[in-house]
Protein backbone atom coordinates (compact mmCIF):
# COMPACT_ATOMS: atom_id res chain seq x y z
CA MET A 1 3.61 -24.97 -39.44
CA HIS A 2 6.24 -23.37 -37.22
CA GLN A 3 8.83 -24.60 -34.74
CA PRO A 4 7.98 -24.36 -31.01
CA ILE A 5 8.56 -20.84 -29.69
CA GLN A 6 10.44 -20.73 -26.39
CA ILE A 7 10.07 -17.86 -23.92
CA ILE A 8 12.67 -18.07 -21.15
CA ASP A 9 12.80 -15.80 -18.09
CA LEU A 10 11.20 -12.85 -19.88
CA SER A 11 10.75 -9.69 -17.80
CA LEU A 12 9.02 -6.49 -18.86
CA SER A 13 9.38 -3.15 -17.11
CA PHE A 14 9.14 0.55 -17.84
CA PRO A 15 10.47 3.56 -15.91
CA HIS A 16 7.10 3.95 -14.18
CA LYS A 17 6.23 0.27 -13.54
CA THR A 18 7.23 -3.40 -13.69
CA CYS A 19 4.67 -5.48 -15.60
CA PHE A 20 6.01 -8.99 -14.96
CA GLU A 21 9.25 -10.87 -14.27
CA ASN A 22 10.82 -14.23 -15.15
CA PHE A 23 8.10 -15.56 -17.45
CA SER A 24 8.83 -18.81 -19.25
CA ALA A 25 6.51 -20.63 -21.65
CA GLN A 26 6.44 -22.70 -24.83
CA ILE A 27 4.15 -21.90 -27.77
CA LEU A 28 3.28 -24.91 -29.94
CA PHE A 29 1.72 -24.86 -33.38
CA GLY A 30 -2.06 -24.71 -33.05
CA ASP A 31 -2.12 -23.16 -29.57
CA ARG A 32 -4.91 -20.63 -29.06
CA ILE A 33 -3.72 -18.24 -26.37
CA ALA A 34 -5.46 -15.28 -24.78
CA ILE A 35 -3.43 -12.71 -22.83
CA ILE A 36 -5.65 -11.20 -20.14
CA GLY A 37 -5.10 -8.71 -17.32
CA ARG A 38 -5.86 -5.22 -16.08
CA ASN A 39 -5.22 -2.08 -18.13
CA GLY A 40 -1.51 -1.31 -18.11
CA SER A 41 -0.51 -4.82 -17.06
CA GLY A 42 1.61 -5.31 -20.21
CA LYS A 43 -0.64 -7.31 -22.59
CA SER A 44 0.04 -5.21 -25.69
CA SER A 45 3.74 -4.94 -24.89
CA LEU A 46 4.03 -8.73 -24.54
CA LEU A 47 2.39 -9.17 -27.95
CA LYS A 48 4.84 -6.69 -29.48
CA VAL A 49 7.79 -8.55 -27.96
CA ILE A 50 6.59 -11.88 -29.41
CA ALA A 51 6.00 -10.25 -32.81
CA SER A 52 9.42 -8.56 -32.88
CA LYS A 53 11.34 -11.65 -31.79
CA ASN A 54 9.62 -13.93 -34.29
CA SER A 55 9.29 -11.68 -37.33
CA ASN A 56 9.14 -13.80 -40.46
CA GLU A 57 6.89 -14.51 -43.41
CA SER A 58 4.67 -16.86 -41.38
CA LEU A 59 3.67 -14.29 -38.71
CA SER A 60 1.01 -11.59 -38.95
CA TYR A 61 0.36 -9.00 -36.25
CA ILE A 62 -2.47 -6.47 -35.99
CA PRO A 63 -1.87 -3.86 -33.26
CA GLN A 64 -4.50 -2.22 -31.08
CA ILE A 65 -4.14 1.17 -32.73
CA ILE A 66 -4.09 1.23 -36.54
CA ASP A 67 -2.64 4.43 -37.95
CA ASP A 68 -3.14 3.55 -41.63
CA PHE A 69 -6.21 4.37 -43.72
CA ASN A 70 -7.12 7.61 -41.93
CA GLU A 71 -10.12 8.16 -44.20
CA LEU A 72 -11.80 5.01 -42.83
CA SER A 73 -13.65 4.32 -39.58
CA GLY A 74 -12.05 2.23 -36.82
CA GLY A 75 -13.91 -0.92 -37.85
CA GLU A 76 -13.11 -0.38 -41.54
CA ARG A 77 -9.42 0.09 -40.72
CA PHE A 78 -9.35 -3.19 -38.82
CA ASN A 79 -11.04 -5.09 -41.66
CA LYS A 80 -8.56 -3.64 -44.15
CA LYS A 81 -5.65 -4.68 -41.94
CA LEU A 82 -7.22 -8.10 -41.36
CA SER A 83 -7.46 -8.75 -45.13
CA GLN A 84 -3.79 -7.78 -45.56
CA ALA A 85 -2.72 -10.05 -42.68
CA LEU A 86 -4.67 -13.08 -43.90
CA SER A 87 -3.33 -12.68 -47.44
CA LYS A 88 0.05 -13.85 -46.06
CA TYR A 89 -1.50 -17.16 -44.87
CA PRO A 90 0.28 -16.80 -41.52
CA SER A 91 0.97 -19.79 -39.29
CA ILE A 92 1.15 -17.42 -36.29
CA PHE A 93 -1.50 -14.73 -35.90
CA LEU A 94 -1.23 -12.02 -33.21
CA LEU A 95 -4.20 -9.72 -32.52
CA ASP A 96 -4.54 -6.91 -29.98
CA GLU A 97 -8.16 -6.25 -28.90
CA PRO A 98 -9.50 -7.24 -32.35
CA THR A 99 -13.21 -6.75 -31.56
CA ASN A 100 -12.78 -3.04 -30.77
CA HIS A 101 -14.81 -0.84 -33.15
CA LEU A 102 -16.51 -3.76 -34.93
CA ASP A 103 -20.26 -3.67 -35.53
CA LEU A 104 -22.35 -6.80 -34.92
CA LYS A 105 -22.03 -8.14 -38.46
CA ASN A 106 -18.24 -7.75 -38.62
CA ARG A 107 -17.89 -9.06 -35.08
CA LYS A 108 -19.67 -12.30 -35.95
CA SER A 109 -17.61 -12.61 -39.12
CA LEU A 110 -14.38 -12.25 -37.13
CA MET A 111 -15.51 -14.90 -34.60
CA ARG A 112 -16.21 -17.37 -37.41
CA MET A 113 -12.85 -16.69 -39.02
CA LEU A 114 -10.92 -17.14 -35.76
CA LYS A 115 -12.73 -20.39 -34.94
CA ALA A 116 -11.77 -21.76 -38.37
CA TYR A 117 -8.19 -20.44 -38.31
CA TYR A 118 -5.75 -23.36 -38.55
CA GLY A 119 -2.56 -21.91 -37.05
CA THR A 120 -1.32 -20.49 -33.76
CA LEU A 121 -3.47 -17.72 -32.34
CA ILE A 122 -2.35 -15.24 -29.66
CA ILE A 123 -4.85 -12.53 -28.69
CA ALA A 124 -4.78 -9.76 -26.09
CA THR A 125 -8.40 -9.16 -25.14
CA HIS A 126 -11.02 -8.22 -22.54
CA ASP A 127 -13.82 -9.63 -24.71
CA LYS A 128 -15.64 -12.43 -22.85
CA GLU A 129 -17.30 -13.80 -25.99
CA LEU A 130 -13.94 -14.07 -27.72
CA LEU A 131 -12.46 -15.81 -24.67
CA HIS A 132 -15.31 -18.31 -24.62
CA SER A 133 -15.31 -19.13 -28.32
CA CYS A 134 -11.72 -19.23 -29.58
CA ILE A 135 -9.30 -19.89 -26.69
CA ASN A 136 -7.84 -22.95 -24.91
CA ILE A 137 -4.85 -21.38 -23.07
CA LEU A 138 -4.83 -18.29 -20.84
CA TRP A 139 -1.88 -16.12 -19.85
CA HIS A 140 -3.06 -13.96 -16.97
CA ILE A 141 -0.80 -11.01 -16.08
CA ASP A 142 -1.43 -10.07 -12.45
CA GLY A 143 0.69 -8.88 -9.55
CA GLY A 144 3.97 -8.83 -11.49
CA ARG A 145 3.75 -12.42 -12.74
CA ILE A 146 2.04 -14.41 -15.50
CA THR A 147 -0.10 -17.44 -14.66
CA VAL A 148 -0.55 -20.00 -17.44
CA PHE A 149 -3.80 -21.96 -17.45
CA ARG A 150 -4.72 -24.64 -19.97
CA GLY A 151 -8.46 -24.79 -20.37
CA SER A 152 -11.43 -22.54 -21.00
CA TYR A 153 -12.00 -19.12 -19.50
CA ASP A 154 -14.96 -20.49 -17.51
CA ASP A 155 -12.76 -23.27 -16.08
CA TYR A 156 -10.15 -20.68 -15.11
CA ILE A 157 -12.64 -18.47 -13.32
CA ARG A 158 -14.14 -21.50 -11.56
CA GLU A 159 -10.72 -22.69 -10.37
CA LYS A 160 -9.81 -19.18 -9.18
CA ARG A 161 -12.99 -19.01 -7.13
CA ILE A 162 -12.34 -22.40 -5.56
CA LYS A 163 -8.77 -21.37 -4.65
CA HIS A 164 -9.97 -18.04 -3.24
CA HIS A 165 -12.54 -19.81 -1.09
CA SER A 166 -9.93 -22.27 0.19
CA ILE A 167 -7.44 -19.51 0.96
CA SER A 168 -10.11 -17.45 2.71
CA ARG A 169 -10.95 -20.40 4.98
CA LYS A 170 -7.26 -20.85 5.86
CA ILE A 171 -6.88 -17.15 6.62
CA ASN A 172 -9.95 -17.23 8.87
CA ALA A 173 -8.55 -20.27 10.70
CA LEU A 174 -5.19 -18.55 11.19
CA GLU A 175 -6.89 -15.43 12.49
CA HIS A 176 -8.84 -17.60 14.95
CA ASP A 177 -5.58 -19.20 16.16
CA ARG A 178 -3.97 -15.78 16.52
CA ASN A 179 -6.87 -14.46 18.60
CA ALA A 180 -6.80 -17.56 20.80
CA MET A 181 -3.05 -17.13 21.39
CA HIS A 182 -3.55 -13.46 22.20
CA LYS A 183 -6.16 -14.34 24.84
CA SER A 184 -3.86 -17.03 26.22
CA LEU A 185 -1.03 -14.50 26.42
CA MET A 186 -3.19 -12.04 28.31
CA LYS A 187 -4.21 -14.70 30.83
CA GLU A 188 -0.61 -15.84 31.31
CA GLN A 189 0.62 -12.30 31.82
CA GLU A 190 -2.10 -11.74 34.40
CA ARG A 191 -1.23 -15.01 36.19
CA VAL A 192 2.51 -14.22 36.29
CA SER A 193 1.80 -10.67 37.40
CA GLN A 194 -0.28 -11.99 40.31
CA SER A 195 2.44 -14.52 41.20
CA ILE A 196 5.10 -11.80 41.32
CA LYS A 197 2.85 -9.54 43.34
CA ILE A 198 2.15 -12.28 45.93
CA GLY A 199 5.86 -13.12 46.17
CA LYS A 200 6.79 -9.51 46.87
CA GLN A 201 4.07 -9.24 49.55
CA LYS A 202 5.38 -12.33 51.34
CA ILE A 203 8.91 -10.94 51.29
CA ALA A 204 7.62 -7.68 52.73
CA ASN A 205 5.75 -9.60 55.46
CA LYS A 206 8.88 -11.62 56.28
CA LYS A 207 6.99 -14.87 55.53
CA TRP A 208 9.75 -15.80 53.12
CA MET A 209 13.41 -15.45 53.54
CA LYS A 210 14.67 -12.79 51.13
CA SER A 211 16.76 -15.27 49.15
CA ALA A 212 13.81 -17.61 48.74
CA GLY A 213 11.63 -14.69 47.68
CA ASP A 214 14.16 -13.55 45.11
CA LEU A 215 14.32 -17.06 43.74
CA LYS A 216 10.52 -17.23 43.45
CA VAL A 217 10.36 -13.90 41.62
CA MET A 218 13.18 -14.86 39.27
CA LYS A 219 11.54 -18.18 38.54
CA ALA A 220 8.21 -16.51 37.73
CA GLU A 221 9.86 -13.92 35.46
CA LYS A 222 11.82 -16.62 33.64
CA SER A 223 8.66 -18.64 33.10
CA GLN A 224 6.92 -15.57 31.79
CA GLY A 225 9.79 -14.83 29.42
CA ASN A 226 9.81 -18.38 28.04
CA ARG A 227 6.07 -18.33 27.45
CA LEU A 228 6.23 -14.92 25.77
CA LYS A 229 9.04 -16.13 23.52
CA SER A 230 7.07 -19.22 22.56
CA ILE A 231 3.97 -17.17 21.77
CA ASP A 232 6.00 -14.63 19.75
CA GLU A 233 7.53 -17.42 17.70
CA LYS A 234 4.13 -18.95 16.98
CA LYS A 235 2.73 -15.54 16.16
CA GLN A 236 5.55 -14.87 13.68
CA GLU A 237 4.99 -18.28 12.13
CA LEU A 238 1.34 -17.38 11.65
CA LEU A 239 2.24 -14.01 10.13
CA ASP A 240 4.62 -15.71 7.71
CA ARG A 241 1.89 -18.12 6.66
CA LEU A 242 -0.55 -15.25 6.25
CA SER A 243 1.87 -13.41 3.99
CA GLU A 244 2.25 -16.53 1.83
CA ILE A 245 -1.47 -17.28 1.63
CA ARG A 246 -3.07 -14.04 0.49
CA LEU A 247 -5.86 -13.26 -1.88
CA PRO A 248 -4.78 -11.29 -4.96
CA GLU A 249 -5.58 -7.60 -4.61
CA ILE A 250 -8.71 -6.67 -6.55
CA ILE A 251 -8.64 -2.96 -7.28
CA THR A 252 -12.05 -1.43 -7.98
CA PRO A 253 -12.30 2.06 -9.44
CA LYS A 254 -14.40 4.51 -7.44
CA PHE A 255 -14.58 7.56 -9.70
CA TYR A 256 -17.81 9.25 -10.74
CA LEU A 257 -18.80 11.71 -13.46
CA PRO A 258 -20.33 14.98 -12.23
CA CYS A 259 -22.36 17.16 -14.58
CA GLN A 260 -23.37 20.79 -14.76
CA LYS A 261 -26.64 21.50 -12.96
CA ASN A 262 -29.13 22.16 -15.71
CA THR A 263 -32.78 23.01 -15.59
CA LYS A 264 -35.00 21.05 -17.93
CA ARG A 265 -34.06 22.37 -21.36
CA THR A 266 -32.86 21.33 -24.80
CA ILE A 267 -29.08 20.86 -24.98
CA VAL A 268 -28.79 19.75 -28.62
CA SER A 269 -31.13 20.69 -31.45
CA ILE A 270 -30.38 19.76 -35.10
CA VAL A 271 -32.99 20.30 -37.79
CA ASN A 272 -32.50 19.08 -41.39
CA GLY A 273 -28.78 18.85 -40.67
CA SER A 274 -25.98 17.46 -42.78
CA VAL A 275 -22.34 16.62 -42.05
CA GLY A 276 -19.36 15.72 -44.16
CA TYR A 277 -15.84 16.60 -45.27
CA SER A 278 -15.20 19.38 -47.81
CA ASP A 279 -17.63 18.68 -50.67
CA LYS A 280 -18.52 15.12 -49.56
CA VAL A 281 -21.72 14.72 -47.53
CA VAL A 282 -21.56 11.77 -45.11
CA LEU A 283 -24.97 12.20 -43.41
CA HIS A 284 -27.97 14.29 -44.33
CA ASN A 285 -31.53 14.83 -43.10
CA ILE A 286 -30.34 14.77 -39.46
CA ASN A 287 -33.04 15.67 -36.94
CA LEU A 288 -31.96 15.30 -33.32
CA SER A 289 -33.08 16.86 -30.06
CA VAL A 290 -31.44 16.00 -26.71
CA GLU A 291 -32.80 17.27 -23.39
CA SER A 292 -30.67 18.18 -20.36
CA GLN A 293 -30.89 14.78 -18.63
CA GLU A 294 -31.39 12.56 -21.68
CA HIS A 295 -29.13 9.66 -22.65
CA VAL A 296 -29.01 8.74 -26.35
CA ALA A 297 -27.14 5.89 -28.07
CA ILE A 298 -25.92 6.56 -31.61
CA ILE A 299 -25.80 3.24 -33.44
CA GLY A 300 -25.03 2.08 -36.98
CA ASN A 301 -22.70 -0.07 -39.05
CA ASN A 302 -18.98 0.57 -39.42
CA GLY A 303 -18.43 3.60 -41.65
CA SER A 304 -22.00 4.87 -41.25
CA GLY A 305 -20.93 8.32 -40.02
CA LYS A 306 -21.48 8.06 -36.25
CA THR A 307 -18.15 9.60 -35.29
CA THR A 308 -18.50 12.28 -37.99
CA LEU A 309 -21.82 13.32 -36.42
CA VAL A 310 -20.44 13.75 -32.89
CA ARG A 311 -17.36 15.53 -34.21
CA ALA A 312 -19.72 18.01 -35.90
CA ILE A 313 -21.56 18.52 -32.59
CA TYR A 314 -18.17 19.18 -30.99
CA ALA A 315 -17.49 21.79 -33.75
CA ASP A 316 -14.48 19.94 -35.19
CA LEU A 317 -13.04 22.25 -37.84
CA MET A 318 -12.37 19.31 -40.18
CA VAL A 319 -16.09 18.52 -40.38
CA THR A 320 -18.53 20.64 -42.38
CA ARG A 321 -22.17 20.91 -41.35
CA GLY A 322 -25.36 22.30 -42.83
CA GLY A 323 -28.88 22.95 -41.62
CA TYR A 324 -29.97 24.36 -38.25
CA TRP A 325 -27.68 23.57 -35.28
CA VAL A 326 -27.92 24.55 -31.63
CA VAL A 327 -25.20 22.81 -29.58
CA PRO A 328 -23.09 23.70 -26.52
CA HIS A 329 -19.77 25.47 -26.91
CA PRO A 330 -16.91 22.90 -27.14
CA ARG A 331 -15.62 23.97 -23.71
CA ASN A 332 -18.96 22.76 -22.27
CA ILE A 333 -18.73 19.38 -23.98
CA GLY A 334 -16.86 16.46 -22.47
CA TYR A 335 -15.75 14.43 -25.49
CA LEU A 336 -13.97 11.08 -25.19
CA ASP A 337 -12.98 10.07 -28.71
CA GLN A 338 -11.67 6.70 -29.87
CA ARG A 339 -8.05 7.90 -29.93
CA TYR A 340 -8.13 9.99 -26.73
CA GLY A 341 -7.30 13.16 -28.62
CA ASN A 342 -8.00 15.30 -25.53
CA LEU A 343 -4.68 14.13 -24.03
CA ASP A 344 -1.30 15.71 -24.81
CA PRO A 345 1.02 12.68 -25.23
CA ASP A 346 4.02 14.51 -23.76
CA LYS A 347 2.30 15.56 -20.54
CA SER A 348 1.62 13.51 -17.41
CA ALA A 349 -1.69 12.70 -15.73
CA VAL A 350 -0.87 15.21 -12.97
CA GLU A 351 -0.18 17.95 -15.52
CA ILE A 352 -3.38 17.18 -17.46
CA ILE A 353 -5.60 17.51 -14.37
CA ARG A 354 -3.80 20.56 -12.96
CA GLU A 355 -4.46 22.39 -16.23
CA GLU A 356 -8.18 21.69 -15.84
CA THR A 357 -8.46 22.78 -12.19
CA SER A 358 -7.12 25.11 -9.51
CA TRP A 359 -6.32 22.16 -7.22
CA ASP A 360 -3.01 21.74 -5.42
CA ARG A 361 -0.86 18.67 -6.04
CA LYS A 362 -2.32 16.75 -3.07
CA GLU A 363 -5.88 17.25 -4.35
CA VAL A 364 -4.86 16.21 -7.87
CA ARG A 365 -3.20 13.02 -6.59
CA GLY A 366 -6.26 12.13 -4.51
CA PHE A 367 -8.50 12.66 -7.54
CA LEU A 368 -6.29 10.55 -9.82
CA ASN A 369 -6.20 7.80 -7.18
CA ASP A 370 -9.94 7.27 -7.74
CA PHE A 371 -9.18 6.67 -11.44
CA LEU A 372 -6.55 4.07 -10.43
CA PHE A 373 -3.47 6.22 -10.98
CA ARG A 374 -2.28 5.25 -7.53
CA LYS A 375 1.50 5.37 -7.76
CA ASN A 376 3.65 8.44 -8.30
CA GLU A 377 5.35 6.73 -11.24
CA GLU A 378 1.99 6.20 -13.01
CA ALA A 379 0.67 9.69 -12.28
CA ASN A 380 3.88 11.37 -13.49
CA ALA A 381 4.62 9.21 -16.55
CA PRO A 382 4.11 10.85 -19.98
CA ILE A 383 0.76 9.94 -21.56
CA LYS A 384 2.51 8.28 -24.51
CA ALA A 385 3.91 5.67 -22.07
CA LEU A 386 0.42 4.64 -20.88
CA SER A 387 -1.66 1.76 -22.21
CA GLU A 388 -4.79 2.51 -24.25
CA GLY A 389 -6.97 1.49 -21.28
CA GLU A 390 -5.08 3.86 -18.98
CA LYS A 391 -5.58 6.65 -21.53
CA ALA A 392 -9.32 5.91 -21.50
CA ARG A 393 -9.43 6.27 -17.71
CA LEU A 394 -7.42 9.50 -17.85
CA SER A 395 -9.69 10.94 -20.55
CA LEU A 396 -12.63 10.30 -18.23
CA ALA A 397 -10.72 11.92 -15.37
CA LYS A 398 -10.11 15.05 -17.44
CA ILE A 399 -13.83 15.27 -18.25
CA ALA A 400 -14.82 14.65 -14.61
CA ALA A 401 -12.47 17.40 -13.39
CA ASN A 402 -14.43 19.99 -15.40
CA PRO A 403 -18.12 18.91 -15.49
CA PRO A 404 -19.70 19.41 -18.95
CA GLN A 405 -23.19 20.31 -20.19
CA LEU A 406 -23.00 17.46 -22.69
CA LEU A 407 -21.05 14.21 -22.40
CA ILE A 408 -20.03 12.44 -25.63
CA LEU A 409 -18.50 8.96 -25.40
CA ASP A 410 -17.25 7.30 -28.60
CA GLU A 411 -16.78 3.53 -28.08
CA ILE A 412 -15.88 3.96 -24.41
CA THR A 413 -15.78 0.20 -23.76
CA ASN A 414 -12.86 -0.28 -26.17
CA ASN A 415 -9.55 -1.03 -24.44
CA ILE A 416 -10.83 -0.96 -20.84
CA ASP A 417 -10.58 -3.95 -18.50
CA LEU A 418 -13.62 -5.78 -17.16
CA GLU A 419 -13.55 -4.17 -13.69
CA THR A 420 -13.43 -0.63 -15.12
CA ARG A 421 -16.12 -1.52 -17.66
CA ASP A 422 -18.47 -2.66 -14.89
CA HIS A 423 -17.81 0.53 -12.93
CA ILE A 424 -18.45 2.72 -16.00
CA ILE A 425 -21.80 0.98 -16.47
CA GLU A 426 -22.69 1.85 -12.86
CA ILE A 427 -21.77 5.54 -13.13
CA LEU A 428 -23.52 6.02 -16.48
CA ARG A 429 -26.72 4.67 -14.94
CA GLU A 430 -26.49 7.40 -12.31
CA TYR A 431 -25.24 10.21 -14.58
CA ARG A 432 -27.76 13.08 -14.59
CA GLY A 433 -26.42 15.13 -17.49
CA ALA A 434 -27.12 15.00 -21.23
CA MET A 435 -25.18 12.19 -22.89
CA LEU A 436 -24.50 10.82 -26.39
CA VAL A 437 -22.90 7.38 -26.57
CA ILE A 438 -21.55 5.67 -29.69
CA SER A 439 -21.35 1.93 -29.15
CA HIS A 440 -21.71 -1.40 -30.98
CA ASP A 441 -22.03 -3.18 -27.64
CA GLU A 442 -25.74 -3.77 -27.09
CA PHE A 443 -25.16 -5.49 -23.74
CA PHE A 444 -23.30 -2.39 -22.52
CA LEU A 445 -26.08 -0.05 -23.68
CA VAL A 446 -28.79 -2.12 -22.00
CA ALA A 447 -26.78 -2.50 -18.78
CA ALA A 448 -26.16 1.28 -18.67
CA HIS A 449 -29.92 1.90 -19.12
CA ILE A 450 -29.44 3.83 -22.38
CA GLU A 451 -32.79 3.17 -24.02
CA ARG A 452 -33.14 5.83 -26.72
CA ARG A 453 -31.45 4.98 -30.05
CA LEU A 454 -30.47 7.11 -33.04
CA ASN A 455 -29.68 4.79 -35.96
CA VAL A 456 -27.51 6.45 -38.62
CA SER A 457 -26.55 5.28 -42.10
CA VAL A 458 -24.18 6.85 -44.60
CA SER A 459 -25.64 9.13 -47.24
CA SER A 460 -26.03 7.69 -50.72
CA GLU A 461 -25.72 11.12 -52.31
């Protein structure tokens, strides 16, 4: 058990962005909270704040990036950390994207454990299955504020859609009123203009006395002014209402991944290959051939050697390889690894892309805009200040700026938000270059039309 945790007027900002302001909430024992939102919205930072402000024996926290146990795979690291955390029997358990890197077996095991967990659960996640199975409270970070919703994820989405539909109808009605007022204004201006014109003609023809004519003109102009003022006031009232009743901005990425133009030929050929570290063989008897437009999924359990294999293809000096290998030069391989090692943490997004191209600053900013680095503060912030999802997008941007012969993606769906995930699925369907994809996410592989599988298992030698 733990005492209620009070959050009062919490704000979170960085030099390059404000995540949210004035958030207040109460966390009761047994609450099962999911923090959701776009990449870079502040989910991980909010978890860290809660962990740091409530550090005691009854709290366990597993971050998104685990730096311990470097000899293990990502999934193995998480399981090791999970065992350590549970050994404390915590009454408060904080997890940041816990299903990243997990194979199907470990994923199901984690779901069962979280369902049975007795204490307070707070998870930052994009995982829909996790949201459906383990959560009863949502904290949604969006537009600089946090919305708290008590209920299931499906209920939340349903309520959002109902509200959006209602707001859309109100906006349409207001637009109709505005158009009607505009037409009325045009007619009134035309009527007054004709009245003034007739009055001036009568004065010129001496049909009115000048003083009477002046009075008529003044009266018409005053009437026109009053009507214009009334219409302007109503128009401003409508604009104020429109500004209050607006749909949240939904930002969709629009980047794509170009590839080198290749004739039909073999890009990767490995015959009786082996890979490992120093004297330890991780995989052996590797036979793989990838053609210029072929997409291959590399699948296997946690620790099976998937990442070791692609690192060998990339000619990583830490990995030894044996057998017959024909692979592209590393400069012709676009490799997105799990830790985004192709990004210098001290450089900015602008600097990263300028190093890859001969583009001027305007061209670089336009390119980064497609990858959702829209503000100067985001584009010029050091990489180490970005969220893991933002690093994933920038890694893709760096690859797209210099089209490769071979694209290698290692767990690309980790850390990215749902909108970016859906867009990545679309562009991988259309990608015409050779591609190797490591993923435990079968739904992602099917949706991206990656049908060929290479199943690897660790060597027993």
